[in-house]
Full PDB file with SEQRES, HELIX, SHEET, SSBOND, CRYST1, ORIGX, SCALE, CONECT and MASTER records, all heavy atoms in Angstrom:
SEQRES   1 A   31  ASN ALA SER VAL ASP GLU SER GLY SER THR SER PRO GLY          
SEQRES   2 A   31  GLY LEU LYS LYS VAL ILE THR GLY PRO LEU LEU PHE ALA          
SEQRES   3 A   31  PHE ILE VAL GLY ASP                                          
HELIX    1 AA1 ALA A    2  SER A    7  1                                   6    
HELIX    2 AA2 GLY A   21  GLY A   30  1                                  10    
CRYST1    1.000    1.000    1.000  90.00  90.00  90.00 P 1           1          
ORIGX1      1.000000  0.000000  0.000000        0.00000                         
ORIGX2      0.000000  1.000000  0.000000        0.00000                         
ORIGX3      0.000000  0.000000  1.000000        0.00000                         
SCALE1      1.000000  0.000000  0.000000        0.00000                         
SCALE2      0.000000  1.000000  0.000000        0.00000                         
SCALE3      0.000000  0.000000  1.000000        0.00000                         
ATOM      1  N   ASN A   1      -7.232  -5.827 -15.270  1.00  0.00           N  
ATOM      2  CA  ASN A   1      -5.865  -5.561 -14.840  1.00  0.00           C  
ATOM      3  C   ASN A   1      -5.368  -6.622 -13.895  1.00  0.00           C  
ATOM      4  O   ASN A   1      -4.173  -6.937 -13.914  1.00  0.00           O  
ATOM      5  CB  ASN A   1      -5.830  -4.198 -14.142  1.00  0.00           C  
ATOM      6  CG  ASN A   1      -5.860  -3.061 -15.141  1.00  0.00           C  
ATOM      7  OD1 ASN A   1      -4.979  -2.954 -15.994  1.00  0.00           O  
ATOM      8  ND2 ASN A   1      -6.852  -2.202 -15.043  1.00  0.00           N  
ATOM      9  N   ALA A   2      -6.231  -7.209 -13.065  1.00  0.00           N  
ATOM     10  CA  ALA A   2      -5.803  -8.252 -12.187  1.00  0.00           C  
ATOM     11  C   ALA A   2      -5.285  -9.457 -12.954  1.00  0.00           C  
ATOM     12  O   ALA A   2      -4.318 -10.117 -12.576  1.00  0.00           O  
ATOM     13  CB  ALA A   2      -6.951  -8.669 -11.244  1.00  0.00           C  
ATOM     14  N   SER A   3      -5.985  -9.792 -14.063  1.00  0.00           N  
ATOM     15  CA  SER A   3      -5.528 -10.890 -14.863  1.00  0.00           C  
ATOM     16  C   SER A   3      -4.165 -10.687 -15.433  1.00  0.00           C  
ATOM     17  O   SER A   3      -3.336 -11.594 -15.548  1.00  0.00           O  
ATOM     18  CB  SER A   3      -6.555 -11.196 -15.985  1.00  0.00           C  
ATOM     19  OG  SER A   3      -6.563 -10.125 -16.921  1.00  0.00           O  
ATOM     20  N   VAL A   4      -3.874  -9.433 -15.800  1.00  0.00           N  
ATOM     21  CA  VAL A   4      -2.563  -9.131 -16.296  1.00  0.00           C  
ATOM     22  C   VAL A   4      -1.543  -9.261 -15.171  1.00  0.00           C  
ATOM     23  O   VAL A   4      -0.458  -9.833 -15.356  1.00  0.00           O  
ATOM     24  CB  VAL A   4      -2.515  -7.681 -16.862  1.00  0.00           C  
ATOM     25  CG1 VAL A   4      -1.097  -7.281 -17.241  1.00  0.00           C  
ATOM     26  CG2 VAL A   4      -3.426  -7.571 -18.065  1.00  0.00           C  
ATOM     27  N   ASP A   5      -1.929  -8.783 -13.986  1.00  0.00           N  
ATOM     28  CA  ASP A   5      -1.035  -8.867 -12.823  1.00  0.00           C  
ATOM     29  C   ASP A   5      -0.686 -10.282 -12.473  1.00  0.00           C  
ATOM     30  O   ASP A   5       0.440 -10.602 -12.104  1.00  0.00           O  
ATOM     31  CB  ASP A   5      -1.631  -8.148 -11.619  1.00  0.00           C  
ATOM     32  CG  ASP A   5      -1.651  -6.621 -11.793  1.00  0.00           C  
ATOM     33  OD1 ASP A   5      -0.806  -6.115 -12.550  1.00  0.00           O  
ATOM     34  OD2 ASP A   5      -2.528  -6.017 -11.178  1.00  0.00           O  
ATOM     35  N   GLU A   6      -1.709 -11.176 -12.520  1.00  0.00           N  
ATOM     36  CA  GLU A   6      -1.458 -12.536 -12.123  1.00  0.00           C  
ATOM     37  C   GLU A   6      -0.642 -13.305 -13.183  1.00  0.00           C  
ATOM     38  O   GLU A   6      -0.050 -14.304 -12.849  1.00  0.00           O  
ATOM     39  CB  GLU A   6      -2.803 -13.261 -11.901  1.00  0.00           C  
ATOM     40  CG  GLU A   6      -3.606 -12.689 -10.757  1.00  0.00           C  
ATOM     41  CD  GLU A   6      -2.937 -12.917  -9.407  1.00  0.00           C  
ATOM     42  OE1 GLU A   6      -2.291 -13.936  -9.237  1.00  0.00           O  
ATOM     43  OE2 GLU A   6      -3.035 -12.061  -8.545  1.00  0.00           O  
ATOM     44  N   SER A   7      -0.590 -12.834 -14.377  1.00  0.00           N  
ATOM     45  CA  SER A   7       0.025 -13.595 -15.426  1.00  0.00           C  
ATOM     46  C   SER A   7       1.513 -13.592 -15.378  1.00  0.00           C  
ATOM     47  O   SER A   7       2.204 -14.442 -15.924  1.00  0.00           O  
ATOM     48  CB  SER A   7      -0.415 -13.067 -16.811  1.00  0.00           C  
ATOM     49  OG  SER A   7       0.123 -11.773 -17.005  1.00  0.00           O  
ATOM     50  N   GLY A   8       2.091 -12.570 -14.728  1.00  0.00           N  
ATOM     51  CA  GLY A   8       3.506 -12.430 -14.632  1.00  0.00           C  
ATOM     52  C   GLY A   8       4.105 -11.804 -15.852  1.00  0.00           C  
ATOM     53  O   GLY A   8       5.353 -11.749 -15.988  1.00  0.00           O  
ATOM     54  N   SER A   9       3.338 -11.270 -16.768  1.00  0.00           N  
ATOM     55  CA  SER A   9       3.879 -10.596 -17.945  1.00  0.00           C  
ATOM     56  C   SER A   9       3.968  -9.118 -17.741  1.00  0.00           C  
ATOM     57  O   SER A   9       3.557  -8.605 -16.711  1.00  0.00           O  
ATOM     58  CB  SER A   9       2.979 -10.896 -19.159  1.00  0.00           C  
ATOM     59  OG  SER A   9       1.709 -10.364 -18.942  1.00  0.00           O  
ATOM     60  N   THR A  10       4.521  -8.425 -18.736  1.00  0.00           N  
ATOM     61  CA  THR A  10       4.630  -6.983 -18.631  1.00  0.00           C  
ATOM     62  C   THR A  10       3.601  -6.324 -19.500  1.00  0.00           C  
ATOM     63  O   THR A  10       3.499  -6.589 -20.703  1.00  0.00           O  
ATOM     64  CB  THR A  10       6.029  -6.530 -19.095  1.00  0.00           C  
ATOM     65  OG1 THR A  10       7.034  -7.192 -18.334  1.00  0.00           O  
ATOM     66  CG2 THR A  10       6.195  -5.056 -18.927  1.00  0.00           C  
ATOM     67  N   SER A  11       2.743  -5.485 -18.925  1.00  0.00           N  
ATOM     68  CA  SER A  11       1.759  -4.753 -19.700  1.00  0.00           C  
ATOM     69  C   SER A  11       2.434  -3.655 -20.483  1.00  0.00           C  
ATOM     70  O   SER A  11       3.508  -3.187 -20.136  1.00  0.00           O  
ATOM     71  CB  SER A  11       0.712  -4.182 -18.757  1.00  0.00           C  
ATOM     72  OG  SER A  11       1.264  -3.310 -17.821  1.00  0.00           O  
ATOM     73  N   PRO A  12       1.825  -3.230 -21.617  1.00  0.00           N  
ATOM     74  CA  PRO A  12       2.447  -2.174 -22.417  1.00  0.00           C  
ATOM     75  C   PRO A  12       2.726  -0.936 -21.600  1.00  0.00           C  
ATOM     76  O   PRO A  12       1.815  -0.350 -21.033  1.00  0.00           O  
ATOM     77  CB  PRO A  12       1.367  -1.913 -23.505  1.00  0.00           C  
ATOM     78  CG  PRO A  12       0.577  -3.191 -23.579  1.00  0.00           C  
ATOM     79  CD  PRO A  12       0.567  -3.729 -22.196  1.00  0.00           C  
ATOM     80  N   GLY A  13       3.972  -0.512 -21.599  1.00  0.00           N  
ATOM     81  CA  GLY A  13       4.367   0.690 -20.912  1.00  0.00           C  
ATOM     82  C   GLY A  13       4.498   0.509 -19.393  1.00  0.00           C  
ATOM     83  O   GLY A  13       4.842   1.405 -18.665  1.00  0.00           O  
ATOM     84  N   GLY A  14       4.222  -0.728 -18.872  1.00  0.00           N  
ATOM     85  CA  GLY A  14       4.280  -0.954 -17.448  1.00  0.00           C  
ATOM     86  C   GLY A  14       5.610  -1.470 -16.991  1.00  0.00           C  
ATOM     87  O   GLY A  14       6.594  -1.485 -17.763  1.00  0.00           O  
ATOM     88  N   LEU A  15       5.669  -1.895 -15.735  1.00  0.00           N  
ATOM     89  CA  LEU A  15       6.905  -2.388 -15.154  1.00  0.00           C  
ATOM     90  C   LEU A  15       6.980  -3.909 -15.326  1.00  0.00           C  
ATOM     91  O   LEU A  15       5.956  -4.613 -15.351  1.00  0.00           O  
ATOM     92  CB  LEU A  15       6.991  -2.031 -13.690  1.00  0.00           C  
ATOM     93  CG  LEU A  15       6.923  -0.511 -13.397  1.00  0.00           C  
ATOM     94  CD1 LEU A  15       6.999  -0.264 -11.899  1.00  0.00           C  
ATOM     95  CD2 LEU A  15       8.009   0.246 -14.120  1.00  0.00           C  
ATOM     96  N   LYS A  16       8.166  -4.424 -15.377  1.00  0.00           N  
ATOM     97  CA  LYS A  16       8.373  -5.827 -15.600  1.00  0.00           C  
ATOM     98  C   LYS A  16       8.123  -6.642 -14.340  1.00  0.00           C  
ATOM     99  O   LYS A  16       8.616  -6.271 -13.264  1.00  0.00           O  
ATOM    100  CB  LYS A  16       9.833  -6.086 -16.105  1.00  0.00           C  
ATOM    101  CG  LYS A  16      10.072  -7.477 -16.611  1.00  0.00           C  
ATOM    102  CD  LYS A  16      11.486  -7.562 -17.229  1.00  0.00           C  
ATOM    103  CE  LYS A  16      11.739  -8.915 -17.793  1.00  0.00           C  
ATOM    104  NZ  LYS A  16      13.134  -9.000 -18.373  1.00  0.00           N  
ATOM    105  N   LYS A  17       7.416  -7.770 -14.458  1.00  0.00           N  
ATOM    106  CA  LYS A  17       7.059  -8.563 -13.330  1.00  0.00           C  
ATOM    107  C   LYS A  17       8.135  -9.610 -13.079  1.00  0.00           C  
ATOM    108  O   LYS A  17       8.149 -10.657 -13.727  1.00  0.00           O  
ATOM    109  CB  LYS A  17       5.717  -9.245 -13.517  1.00  0.00           C  
ATOM    110  CG  LYS A  17       4.564  -8.238 -13.573  1.00  0.00           C  
ATOM    111  CD  LYS A  17       3.226  -8.910 -13.706  1.00  0.00           C  
ATOM    112  CE  LYS A  17       2.098  -7.887 -13.623  1.00  0.00           C  
ATOM    113  NZ  LYS A  17       2.115  -7.155 -12.348  1.00  0.00           N  
ATOM    114  N   VAL A  18       9.032  -9.353 -12.139  1.00  0.00           N  
ATOM    115  CA  VAL A  18      10.153 -10.243 -11.917  1.00  0.00           C  
ATOM    116  C   VAL A  18      10.302 -10.630 -10.441  1.00  0.00           C  
ATOM    117  O   VAL A  18      11.180 -11.370 -10.097  1.00  0.00           O  
ATOM    118  CB  VAL A  18      11.478  -9.582 -12.402  1.00  0.00           C  
ATOM    119  CG1 VAL A  18      11.437  -9.399 -13.916  1.00  0.00           C  
ATOM    120  CG2 VAL A  18      11.696  -8.245 -11.690  1.00  0.00           C  
ATOM    121  N   ILE A  19       9.406 -10.135  -9.573  1.00  0.00           N  
ATOM    122  CA  ILE A  19       9.567 -10.360  -8.128  1.00  0.00           C  
ATOM    123  C   ILE A  19       8.778 -11.597  -7.730  1.00  0.00           C  
ATOM    124  O   ILE A  19       7.561 -11.626  -7.820  1.00  0.00           O  
ATOM    125  CB  ILE A  19       9.102  -9.146  -7.312  1.00  0.00           C  
ATOM    126  CG1 ILE A  19       9.859  -7.887  -7.756  1.00  0.00           C  
ATOM    127  CG2 ILE A  19       9.314  -9.408  -5.814  1.00  0.00           C  
ATOM    128  CD1 ILE A  19       9.395  -6.628  -7.057  1.00  0.00           C  
ATOM    129  N   THR A  20       9.493 -12.603  -7.237  1.00  0.00           N  
ATOM    130  CA  THR A  20       8.881 -13.834  -6.746  1.00  0.00           C  
ATOM    131  C   THR A  20       8.683 -13.745  -5.251  1.00  0.00           C  
ATOM    132  O   THR A  20       9.124 -12.788  -4.608  1.00  0.00           O  
ATOM    133  CB  THR A  20       9.735 -15.039  -7.077  1.00  0.00           C  
ATOM    134  OG1 THR A  20      11.012 -14.854  -6.475  1.00  0.00           O  
ATOM    135  CG2 THR A  20       9.960 -15.142  -8.590  1.00  0.00           C  
ATOM    136  N   GLY A  21       8.039 -14.781  -4.666  1.00  0.00           N  
ATOM    137  CA  GLY A  21       7.792 -14.792  -3.214  1.00  0.00           C  
ATOM    138  C   GLY A  21       9.093 -14.670  -2.401  1.00  0.00           C  
ATOM    139  O   GLY A  21       9.195 -13.832  -1.498  1.00  0.00           O  
ATOM    140  N   PRO A  22      10.105 -15.503  -2.693  1.00  0.00           N  
ATOM    141  CA  PRO A  22      11.343 -15.405  -1.925  1.00  0.00           C  
ATOM    142  C   PRO A  22      12.020 -14.037  -2.054  1.00  0.00           C  
ATOM    143  O   PRO A  22      12.562 -13.517  -1.064  1.00  0.00           O  
ATOM    144  CB  PRO A  22      12.206 -16.518  -2.518  1.00  0.00           C  
ATOM    145  CG  PRO A  22      11.227 -17.513  -3.043  1.00  0.00           C  
ATOM    146  CD  PRO A  22      10.075 -16.716  -3.559  1.00  0.00           C  
ATOM    147  N   LEU A  23      12.005 -13.486  -3.249  1.00  0.00           N  
ATOM    148  CA  LEU A  23      12.601 -12.127  -3.394  1.00  0.00           C  
ATOM    149  C   LEU A  23      11.852 -11.083  -2.610  1.00  0.00           C  
ATOM    150  O   LEU A  23      12.422 -10.193  -1.981  1.00  0.00           O  
ATOM    151  CB  LEU A  23      12.616 -11.756  -4.889  1.00  0.00           C  
ATOM    152  CG  LEU A  23      13.780 -12.254  -5.732  1.00  0.00           C  
ATOM    153  CD1 LEU A  23      13.614 -11.794  -7.191  1.00  0.00           C  
ATOM    154  CD2 LEU A  23      15.107 -11.794  -5.178  1.00  0.00           C  
ATOM    155  N   LEU A  24      10.512 -11.170  -2.608  1.00  0.00           N  
ATOM    156  CA  LEU A  24       9.713 -10.186  -1.863  1.00  0.00           C  
ATOM    157  C   LEU A  24       9.928 -10.385  -0.376  1.00  0.00           C  
ATOM    158  O   LEU A  24      10.085  -9.384   0.368  1.00  0.00           O  
ATOM    159  CB  LEU A  24       8.217 -10.370  -2.202  1.00  0.00           C  
ATOM    160  CG  LEU A  24       7.288  -9.345  -1.529  1.00  0.00           C  
ATOM    161  CD1 LEU A  24       7.623  -7.954  -1.986  1.00  0.00           C  
ATOM    162  CD2 LEU A  24       5.839  -9.685  -1.864  1.00  0.00           C  
ATOM    163  N   PHE A  25       9.983 -11.603   0.111  1.00  0.00           N  
ATOM    164  CA  PHE A  25      10.258 -11.885   1.515  1.00  0.00           C  
ATOM    165  C   PHE A  25      11.635 -11.319   1.899  1.00  0.00           C  
ATOM    166  O   PHE A  25      11.761 -10.630   2.925  1.00  0.00           O  
ATOM    167  CB  PHE A  25      10.256 -13.409   1.761  1.00  0.00           C  
ATOM    168  CG  PHE A  25      10.652 -13.790   3.158  1.00  0.00           C  
ATOM    169  CD1 PHE A  25       9.768 -13.760   4.214  1.00  0.00           C  
ATOM    170  CD2 PHE A  25      11.964 -14.174   3.428  1.00  0.00           C  
ATOM    171  CE1 PHE A  25      10.117 -14.131   5.483  1.00  0.00           C  
ATOM    172  CE2 PHE A  25      12.356 -14.539   4.738  1.00  0.00           C  
ATOM    173  CZ  PHE A  25      11.426 -14.521   5.767  1.00  0.00           C  
ATOM    174  N   ALA A  26      12.629 -11.543   1.074  1.00  0.00           N  
ATOM    175  CA  ALA A  26      13.972 -11.005   1.337  1.00  0.00           C  
ATOM    176  C   ALA A  26      13.957  -9.481   1.273  1.00  0.00           C  
ATOM    177  O   ALA A  26      14.680  -8.806   2.040  1.00  0.00           O  
ATOM    178  CB  ALA A  26      14.960 -11.551   0.308  1.00  0.00           C  
ATOM    179  N   PHE A  27      13.175  -8.897   0.354  1.00  0.00           N  
ATOM    180  CA  PHE A  27      13.069  -7.468   0.233  1.00  0.00           C  
ATOM    181  C   PHE A  27      12.581  -6.899   1.584  1.00  0.00           C  
ATOM    182  O   PHE A  27      13.179  -5.938   2.113  1.00  0.00           O  
ATOM    183  CB  PHE A  27      12.077  -7.113  -0.867  1.00  0.00           C  
ATOM    184  CG  PHE A  27      11.901  -5.663  -1.120  1.00  0.00           C  
ATOM    185  CD1 PHE A  27      12.560  -5.029  -2.170  1.00  0.00           C  
ATOM    186  CD2 PHE A  27      11.055  -4.873  -0.310  1.00  0.00           C  
ATOM    187  CE1 PHE A  27      12.395  -3.668  -2.389  1.00  0.00           C  
ATOM    188  CE2 PHE A  27      10.885  -3.533  -0.531  1.00  0.00           C  
ATOM    189  CZ  PHE A  27      11.545  -2.918  -1.592  1.00  0.00           C  
ATOM    190  N   ILE A  28      11.517  -7.416   2.143  1.00  0.00           N  
ATOM    191  CA  ILE A  28      10.949  -6.896   3.371  1.00  0.00           C  
ATOM    192  C   ILE A  28      11.858  -7.168   4.551  1.00  0.00           C  
ATOM    193  O   ILE A  28      12.099  -6.261   5.372  1.00  0.00           O  
ATOM    194  CB  ILE A  28       9.531  -7.460   3.630  1.00  0.00           C  
ATOM    195  CG1 ILE A  28       8.621  -7.225   2.436  1.00  0.00           C  
ATOM    196  CG2 ILE A  28       8.927  -6.858   4.879  1.00  0.00           C  
ATOM    197  CD1 ILE A  28       7.270  -7.881   2.527  1.00  0.00           C  
ATOM    198  N   VAL A  29      12.395  -8.372   4.668  1.00  0.00           N  
ATOM    199  CA  VAL A  29      13.274  -8.709   5.759  1.00  0.00           C  
ATOM    200  C   VAL A  29      14.542  -7.826   5.694  1.00  0.00           C  
ATOM    201  O   VAL A  29      14.957  -7.253   6.674  1.00  0.00           O  
ATOM    202  CB  VAL A  29      13.661 -10.181   5.729  1.00  0.00           C  
ATOM    203  CG1 VAL A  29      14.800 -10.462   6.706  1.00  0.00           C  
ATOM    204  CG2 VAL A  29      12.475 -11.054   6.087  1.00  0.00           C  
ATOM    205  N   GLY A  30      15.083  -7.743   4.496  1.00  0.00           N  
ATOM    206  CA  GLY A  30      16.306  -6.938   4.323  1.00  0.00           C  
ATOM    207  C   GLY A  30      16.094  -5.488   4.620  1.00  0.00           C  
ATOM    208  O   GLY A  30      16.907  -4.847   5.306  1.00  0.00           O  
ATOM    209  N   ASP A  31      14.980  -4.956   4.167  1.00  0.00           N  
ATOM    210  CA  ASP A  31      14.639  -3.552   4.411  1.00  0.00           C  
ATOM    211  C   ASP A  31      14.457  -3.303   5.892  1.00  0.00           C  
ATOM    212  O   ASP A  31      14.915  -2.322   6.482  1.00  0.00           O  
ATOM    213  CB  ASP A  31      13.392  -3.158   3.608  1.00  0.00           C  
ATOM    214  CG  ASP A  31      13.252  -1.672   3.482  1.00  0.00           C  
ATOM    215  OD1 ASP A  31      14.151  -0.943   3.933  1.00  0.00           O  
ATOM    216  OD2 ASP A  31      12.257  -1.237   2.911  1.00  0.00           O  
TER     217      ASP A  31                                                      
MASTER        0    0    0    2    0    0    0    6  216    1    0    3          
END                                                                             
């Protein structure tokens, strides 16, 4: 599962991997 997580792809039935470092930083700072 970690290999799937690191790949940046979407696993079947899972959530789409679209959050990059700057977006995550902004998410936490903004929140």
